[in-house]
Amino acid sequence: LCNVTPIVVLDGGLDEERRKMKVTLQRRRERMHQSLKVKPVNQSSLKIFPFLGKEVFVQTLLEMGVQVMQSYFEADDQIAALAIERG
C-alpha cells in the first residue's frame, strides 16, 4: 500500500567466513556443547540459536519475495549505498 520494497542486507559473507574458518569451527563446537547442556529447568536462561537458523531465515525471506543481499564484510556501507541509489 505504501509502495515500500523491503531489502535485507546480511553482514559477513562466505569469503570472510572462510578466512576465519578456525574461529567459525570453534564457535560451532561451543554451540554444540551448549546445546547438550539444555534441560527443561535451564532452557530459558541459555541462549542457543538453531544451527540452520540463518538458512531458514533467508529461505523464508526469499519465499516471501523479499530481496536478500549478502555483504562480504560489514553491511553499513552497502546499506548506505543502496539508500543513496534508491533515494
Protein backbone atom coordinates (compact mmCIF):
# COMPACT_ATOMS: atom_id res chain seq x y z
CA LEU A 1 0.00 0.00 0.00
CA CYS A 2 2.89 2.37 0.73
CA ASN A 3 4.99 1.25 -2.25
CA VAL A 4 7.83 0.06 0.01
CA THR A 5 10.13 -2.69 -1.24
CA PRO A 6 11.97 -4.45 1.60
CA ILE A 7 15.61 -5.45 1.15
CA VAL A 8 17.51 -7.44 3.77
CA VAL A 9 21.31 -6.98 3.81
CA LEU A 10 23.27 -9.52 5.86
CA ASP A 11 26.73 -8.85 7.32
CA GLY A 12 29.74 -11.05 6.68
CA GLY A 13 29.81 -13.15 3.54
CA LEU A 14 31.23 -16.56 2.86
CA ASP A 15 34.70 -15.29 1.93
CA GLU A 16 35.06 -13.71 5.35
CA GLU A 17 33.86 -16.92 7.00
CA ARG A 18 36.43 -18.98 5.08
CA ARG A 19 39.20 -16.71 6.31
CA LYS A 20 38.02 -17.25 9.86
CA MET A 21 37.39 -20.99 9.49
CA LYS A 22 39.23 -21.85 12.72
CA VAL A 23 37.12 -19.36 14.70
CA THR A 24 33.93 -20.49 12.96
CA LEU A 25 34.59 -24.15 13.75
CA GLN A 26 35.37 -23.30 17.38
CA ARG A 27 32.11 -21.34 17.75
CA ARG A 28 30.13 -24.21 16.24
CA ARG A 29 31.77 -26.66 18.67
CA GLU A 30 30.86 -24.36 21.56
CA ARG A 31 27.26 -24.11 20.33
CA MET A 32 27.03 -27.88 20.12
CA HIS A 33 28.39 -28.30 23.66
CA GLN A 34 25.97 -25.63 24.94
CA SER A 35 23.04 -27.38 23.28
CA LEU A 36 23.92 -30.61 25.08
CA LYS A 37 23.57 -28.77 28.42
CA VAL A 38 19.96 -27.72 27.79
CA LYS A 39 17.45 -29.20 30.22
CA PRO A 40 13.86 -28.18 31.00
CA VAL A 41 14.97 -26.34 34.16
CA ASN A 42 17.65 -24.19 32.47
CA GLN A 43 16.42 -23.76 28.90
CA SER A 44 15.11 -20.24 29.50
CA SER A 45 18.49 -18.97 30.70
CA LEU A 46 20.64 -20.46 27.91
CA LYS A 47 20.85 -18.55 24.64
CA ILE A 48 21.09 -21.14 21.87
CA PHE A 49 20.11 -20.45 18.30
CA PRO A 50 19.22 -23.19 15.82
CA PHE A 51 22.15 -24.43 13.73
CA LEU A 52 20.33 -23.67 10.48
CA GLY A 53 18.61 -20.53 11.75
CA LYS A 54 20.21 -18.19 9.22
CA GLU A 55 19.49 -20.53 6.31
CA VAL A 56 15.83 -20.89 7.32
CA PHE A 57 15.53 -17.11 7.77
CA VAL A 58 16.97 -16.41 4.31
CA GLN A 59 14.88 -19.13 2.65
CA THR A 60 11.70 -17.75 4.25
CA LEU A 61 12.50 -14.23 3.05
CA LEU A 62 13.12 -15.49 -0.49
CA GLU A 63 9.84 -17.44 -0.47
CA MET A 64 8.09 -14.21 0.56
CA GLY A 65 9.66 -12.40 -2.38
CA VAL A 66 11.99 -10.26 -0.24
CA GLN A 67 15.32 -9.37 -1.85
CA VAL A 68 18.25 -10.64 0.22
CA MET A 69 21.81 -9.38 -0.21
CA GLN A 70 24.97 -10.70 1.45
CA SER A 71 27.80 -8.31 2.26
CA TYR A 72 31.37 -9.60 2.34
CA PHE A 73 32.19 -7.51 5.40
CA GLU A 74 30.14 -5.07 7.48
CA ALA A 75 26.96 -4.12 5.64
CA ASP A 76 26.81 -0.45 6.70
CA ASP A 77 28.47 0.92 3.55
CA GLN A 78 26.36 -1.28 1.30
CA ILE A 79 23.15 -0.18 3.03
CA ALA A 80 24.14 3.48 2.71
CA ALA A 81 24.91 3.00 -1.00
CA LEU A 82 21.53 1.31 -1.54
CA ALA A 83 19.76 4.18 0.23
CA ILE A 84 21.52 6.78 -1.94
CA GLU A 85 20.93 4.77 -5.13
CA ARG A 86 17.23 4.23 -4.47
CA GLY A 87 16.74 7.67 -2.94
